Amino acid sequence: MTCPVLWTKCTEESKHSPRSATGIVHDSDTTDAGRPVAAHLHVMMEFQNPRSLNSIAKLLGDKPERIEAWKAGVENGFSYLCHRTDGARSKHQYDPKIVRSNFDYPALLASIESRVARTRSHSSVKVLLDDLLEGRIDKESLISQLSGSEYART
């Protein structure tokens, strides 16, 4: 099935259509040995209600064994399309603007990345405060590792 045909099937309005659908052709991936990987399509769909792989395969006119249920969460799945997950940072980073979507994908990805950065920052501050409390670092060391806004919140 070609990408345009698949995309049309993914975004057709019906009671079975996904709430969110995104797709990208990965044409710049390489193996660990540095050899090019054949171009391949990744599609991430989010449905209002749970769907079986069989029902999604039927919707797309494909075989269930060619469909994978993403187990790491919807936001992680949307992030993986451009290799913006922890496990894929070493892979080619695709531009969010080339992702086809039935919503503003670049804005969603920016929001996800911002939230992840804030969570990591909060987690780092918590670790530093624990280190201070337990005497592993002193106050000056703590202050030197915090940004101005992080220090203001402590």
C-alpha atoms as a PDB file:
ATOM      1  CA  MET A   1       0.000   0.000   0.000  1.00  0.00           C
ATOM      2  CA  THR A   2       1.397   3.421  -0.891  1.00  0.00           C
ATOM      3  CA  CYS A   3       1.757   6.203   1.670  1.00  0.00           C
ATOM      4  CA  PRO A   4      -0.967   8.418   0.152  1.00  0.00           C
ATOM      5  CA  VAL A   5      -3.449   5.512   0.096  1.00  0.00           C
ATOM      6  CA  LEU A   6      -2.593   4.542   3.673  1.00  0.00           C
ATOM      7  CA  TRP A   7      -2.848   8.159   4.806  1.00  0.00           C
ATOM      8  CA  THR A   8      -6.276   8.533   3.204  1.00  0.00           C
ATOM      9  CA  LYS A   9      -7.468   5.395   4.985  1.00  0.00           C
ATOM     10  CA  CYS A  10      -6.066   6.647   8.323  1.00  0.00           C
ATOM     11  CA  THR A  11      -7.805  10.005   8.139  1.00  0.00           C
ATOM     12  CA  GLU A  12     -11.142   9.132   6.520  1.00  0.00           C
ATOM     13  CA  GLU A  13     -14.018  10.256   8.684  1.00  0.00           C
ATOM     14  CA  SER A  14     -15.881   7.285  10.080  1.00  0.00           C
ATOM     15  CA  LYS A  15     -16.916   5.960  13.457  1.00  0.00           C
ATOM     16  CA  HIS A  16     -13.757   3.832  13.399  1.00  0.00           C
ATOM     17  CA  SER A  17     -11.326   6.586  12.409  1.00  0.00           C
ATOM     18  CA  PRO A  18      -8.574   7.621  14.822  1.00  0.00           C
ATOM     19  CA  ARG A  19      -8.860  10.743  16.946  1.00  0.00           C
ATOM     20  CA  SER A  20      -5.229  11.536  16.092  1.00  0.00           C
ATOM     21  CA  ALA A  21      -3.209  10.178  13.189  1.00  0.00           C
ATOM     22  CA  THR A  22       0.380  10.944  12.255  1.00  0.00           C
ATOM     23  CA  GLY A  23       2.733   9.399   9.752  1.00  0.00           C
ATOM     24  CA  ILE A  24       6.269   9.762   8.504  1.00  0.00           C
ATOM     25  CA  VAL A  25       8.520   7.946   6.069  1.00  0.00           C
ATOM     26  CA  HIS A  26      11.830   7.133   7.736  1.00  0.00           C
ATOM     27  CA  ASP A  27      14.228   7.372   4.821  1.00  0.00           C
ATOM     28  CA  SER A  28      17.435   8.360   6.639  1.00  0.00           C
ATOM     29  CA  ASP A  29      17.782   5.568   9.208  1.00  0.00           C
ATOM     30  CA  THR A  30      20.975   3.509   9.375  1.00  0.00           C
ATOM     31  CA  THR A  31      21.994   0.223  10.971  1.00  0.00           C
ATOM     32  CA  ASP A  32      24.463   0.124  13.875  1.00  0.00           C
ATOM     33  CA  ALA A  33      27.121  -0.587  11.241  1.00  0.00           C
ATOM     34  CA  GLY A  34      26.195   2.659   9.435  1.00  0.00           C
ATOM     35  CA  ARG A  35      24.476   1.080   6.425  1.00  0.00           C
ATOM     36  CA  PRO A  36      21.245   2.674   5.151  1.00  0.00           C
ATOM     37  CA  VAL A  37      17.971   1.057   6.200  1.00  0.00           C
ATOM     38  CA  ALA A  38      15.273   0.733   3.534  1.00  0.00           C
ATOM     39  CA  ALA A  39      12.734   3.550   3.691  1.00  0.00           C
ATOM     40  CA  HIS A  40       9.783   2.555   5.846  1.00  0.00           C
ATOM     41  CA  LEU A  41       6.595   4.111   7.148  1.00  0.00           C
ATOM     42  CA  HIS A  42       5.690   4.789  10.776  1.00  0.00           C
ATOM     43  CA  VAL A  43       2.108   5.713  11.623  1.00  0.00           C
ATOM     44  CA  MET A  44       0.881   6.573  15.109  1.00  0.00           C
ATOM     45  CA  MET A  45      -2.852   6.569  15.702  1.00  0.00           C
ATOM     46  CA  GLU A  46      -4.816   7.346  18.845  1.00  0.00           C
ATOM     47  CA  PHE A  47      -8.405   6.175  19.064  1.00  0.00           C
ATOM     48  CA  GLN A  48     -11.228   7.379  21.288  1.00  0.00           C
ATOM     49  CA  ASN A  49     -11.855   3.777  22.375  1.00  0.00           C
ATOM     50  CA  PRO A  50      -9.542   0.744  22.408  1.00  0.00           C
ATOM     51  CA  ARG A  51      -9.161  -1.104  19.104  1.00  0.00           C
ATOM     52  CA  SER A  52      -7.788  -4.553  18.374  1.00  0.00           C
ATOM     53  CA  LEU A  53      -4.919  -4.982  15.943  1.00  0.00           C
ATOM     54  CA  ASN A  54      -7.305  -6.961  13.735  1.00  0.00           C
ATOM     55  CA  SER A  55      -9.780  -4.069  13.544  1.00  0.00           C
ATOM     56  CA  ILE A  56      -7.006  -1.585  12.729  1.00  0.00           C
ATOM     57  CA  ALA A  57      -5.595  -3.926  10.078  1.00  0.00           C
ATOM     58  CA  LYS A  58      -9.063  -4.206   8.564  1.00  0.00           C
ATOM     59  CA  LEU A  59      -9.456  -0.406   8.622  1.00  0.00           C
ATOM     60  CA  LEU A  60      -6.134  -0.045   6.786  1.00  0.00           C
ATOM     61  CA  GLY A  61      -6.584  -3.037   4.507  1.00  0.00           C
ATOM     62  CA  ASP A  62      -3.410  -4.634   5.838  1.00  0.00           C
ATOM     63  CA  LYS A  63      -2.373  -7.751   7.767  1.00  0.00           C
ATOM     64  CA  PRO A  64      -2.496  -7.679  11.597  1.00  0.00           C
ATOM     65  CA  GLU A  65       1.097  -8.930  11.849  1.00  0.00           C
ATOM     66  CA  ARG A  66       2.260  -5.728  10.129  1.00  0.00           C
ATOM     67  CA  ILE A  67       0.678  -3.596  12.861  1.00  0.00           C
ATOM     68  CA  GLU A  68       2.251  -3.031  16.260  1.00  0.00           C
ATOM     69  CA  ALA A  69       0.530  -1.786  19.399  1.00  0.00           C
ATOM     70  CA  TRP A  70       2.733   0.894  20.978  1.00  0.00           C
ATOM     71  CA  LYS A  71       3.139   0.031  24.640  1.00  0.00           C
ATOM     72  CA  ALA A  72       5.155   3.018  25.858  1.00  0.00           C
ATOM     73  CA  GLY A  73       2.328   5.580  25.883  1.00  0.00           C
ATOM     74  CA  VAL A  74       0.773   7.847  23.284  1.00  0.00           C
ATOM     75  CA  GLU A  75       3.105  10.814  23.818  1.00  0.00           C
ATOM     76  CA  ASN A  76       6.136   8.535  23.591  1.00  0.00           C
ATOM     77  CA  GLY A  77       4.756   7.121  20.337  1.00  0.00           C
ATOM     78  CA  PHE A  78       4.234  10.570  18.851  1.00  0.00           C
ATOM     79  CA  SER A  79       7.761  11.526  19.966  1.00  0.00           C
ATOM     80  CA  TYR A  80       9.303   8.420  18.408  1.00  0.00           C
ATOM     81  CA  LEU A  81       8.145   9.449  14.933  1.00  0.00           C
ATOM     82  CA  CYS A  82      10.959  12.043  14.878  1.00  0.00           C
ATOM     83  CA  HIS A  83      13.260   9.959  17.135  1.00  0.00           C
ATOM     84  CA  ARG A  84      12.714  12.318  20.078  1.00  0.00           C
ATOM     85  CA  THR A  85      12.620   9.552  22.729  1.00  0.00           C
ATOM     86  CA  ASP A  86      15.461   8.634  25.092  1.00  0.00           C
ATOM     87  CA  GLY A  87      15.954   5.328  23.288  1.00  0.00           C
ATOM     88  CA  ALA A  88      16.120   6.926  19.833  1.00  0.00           C
ATOM     89  CA  ARG A  89      18.192  10.100  20.401  1.00  0.00           C
ATOM     90  CA  SER A  90      21.204   8.521  18.682  1.00  0.00           C
ATOM     91  CA  LYS A  91      19.175   7.890  15.509  1.00  0.00           C
ATOM     92  CA  HIS A  92      18.565  10.370  12.692  1.00  0.00           C
ATOM     93  CA  GLN A  93      16.450  13.260  14.027  1.00  0.00           C
ATOM     94  CA  TYR A  94      13.554  13.912  11.651  1.00  0.00           C
ATOM     95  CA  ASP A  95      12.074  17.385  11.248  1.00  0.00           C
ATOM     96  CA  PRO A  96       8.570  17.536  12.803  1.00  0.00           C
ATOM     97  CA  LYS A  97       7.417  19.619   9.809  1.00  0.00           C
ATOM     98  CA  ILE A  98       7.653  16.587   7.496  1.00  0.00           C
ATOM     99  CA  VAL A  99       5.259  14.510   9.613  1.00  0.00           C
ATOM    100  CA  ARG A 100       1.783  14.241   8.091  1.00  0.00           C
ATOM    101  CA  SER A 101      -0.925  14.675  10.674  1.00  0.00           C
ATOM    102  CA  ASN A 102      -4.577  15.486  11.166  1.00  0.00           C
ATOM    103  CA  PHE A 103      -3.584  18.000  13.895  1.00  0.00           C
ATOM    104  CA  ASP A 104      -0.710  20.407  14.661  1.00  0.00           C
ATOM    105  CA  TYR A 105       1.998  17.784  15.213  1.00  0.00           C
ATOM    106  CA  PRO A 106       4.956  20.207  15.594  1.00  0.00           C
ATOM    107  CA  ALA A 107       3.080  22.041  18.370  1.00  0.00           C
ATOM    108  CA  LEU A 108       2.273  18.764  20.149  1.00  0.00           C
ATOM    109  CA  LEU A 109       5.894  17.617  19.945  1.00  0.00           C
ATOM    110  CA  ALA A 110       7.135  20.974  21.283  1.00  0.00           C
ATOM    111  CA  SER A 111       4.664  20.706  24.172  1.00  0.00           C
ATOM    112  CA  ILE A 112       5.763  17.147  24.984  1.00  0.00           C
ATOM    113  CA  GLU A 113       9.455  18.086  24.867  1.00  0.00           C
ATOM    114  CA  SER A 114       8.853  21.125  27.098  1.00  0.00           C
ATOM    115  CA  ARG A 115       6.958  19.046  29.653  1.00  0.00           C
ATOM    116  CA  VAL A 116       9.662  16.358  29.670  1.00  0.00           C
ATOM    117  CA  ALA A 117      12.365  19.013  30.179  1.00  0.00           C
ATOM    118  CA  ARG A 118      10.438  20.556  33.097  1.00  0.00           C
ATOM    119  CA  THR A 119       9.929  17.136  34.674  1.00  0.00           C
ATOM    120  CA  ARG A 120      13.627  16.329  34.343  1.00  0.00           C
ATOM    121  CA  SER A 121      14.554  19.729  35.755  1.00  0.00           C
ATOM    122  CA  HIS A 122      12.208  19.249  38.720  1.00  0.00           C
ATOM    123  CA  SER A 123      13.618  15.774  39.284  1.00  0.00           C
ATOM    124  CA  SER A 124      17.191  17.124  39.171  1.00  0.00           C
ATOM    125  CA  VAL A 125      16.374  19.859  41.688  1.00  0.00           C
ATOM    126  CA  LYS A 126      14.831  17.268  44.000  1.00  0.00           C
ATOM    127  CA  VAL A 127      17.988  15.132  43.807  1.00  0.00           C
ATOM    128  CA  LEU A 128      20.173  18.172  44.541  1.00  0.00           C
ATOM    129  CA  LEU A 129      18.020  19.133  47.529  1.00  0.00           C
ATOM    130  CA  ASP A 130      18.231  15.562  48.833  1.00  0.00           C
ATOM    131  CA  ASP A 131      22.024  15.715  48.419  1.00  0.00           C
ATOM    132  CA  LEU A 132      22.126  18.977  50.402  1.00  0.00           C
ATOM    133  CA  LEU A 133      19.909  17.563  53.144  1.00  0.00           C
ATOM    134  CA  GLU A 134      22.065  14.447  53.463  1.00  0.00           C
ATOM    135  CA  GLY A 135      25.322  16.455  53.465  1.00  0.00           C
ATOM    136  CA  ARG A 136      26.701  15.182  50.143  1.00  0.00           C
ATOM    137  CA  ILE A 137      26.937  18.768  48.824  1.00  0.00           C
ATOM    138  CA  ASP A 138      27.020  22.192  50.471  1.00  0.00           C
ATOM    139  CA  LYS A 139      24.759  25.180  49.805  1.00  0.00           C
ATOM    140  CA  GLU A 140      27.258  26.871  47.458  1.00  0.00           C
ATOM    141  CA  SER A 141      27.491  23.718  45.345  1.00  0.00           C
ATOM    142  CA  LEU A 142      23.694  23.504  45.212  1.00  0.00           C
ATOM    143  CA  ILE A 143      23.351  27.139  44.127  1.00  0.00           C
ATOM    144  CA  SER A 144      26.012  26.761  41.431  1.00  0.00           C
ATOM    145  CA  GLN A 145      24.074  23.887  39.840  1.00  0.00           C
ATOM    146  CA  LEU A 146      20.679  25.631  39.746  1.00  0.00           C
ATOM    147  CA  SER A 147      19.360  28.125  37.220  1.00  0.00           C
ATOM    148  CA  GLY A 148      18.025  31.413  38.588  1.00  0.00           C
ATOM    149  CA  SER A 149      14.401  30.308  38.321  1.00  0.00           C
ATOM    150  CA  GLU A 150      15.167  26.942  39.938  1.00  0.00           C
ATOM    151  CA  TYR A 151      16.967  28.689  42.810  1.00  0.00           C
ATOM    152  CA  ALA A 152      14.031  31.072  43.276  1.00  0.00           C
ATOM    153  CA  ARG A 153      11.680  28.105  43.694  1.00  0.00           C
ATOM    154  CA  THR A 154      13.802  26.410  46.393  1.00  0.00           C
END
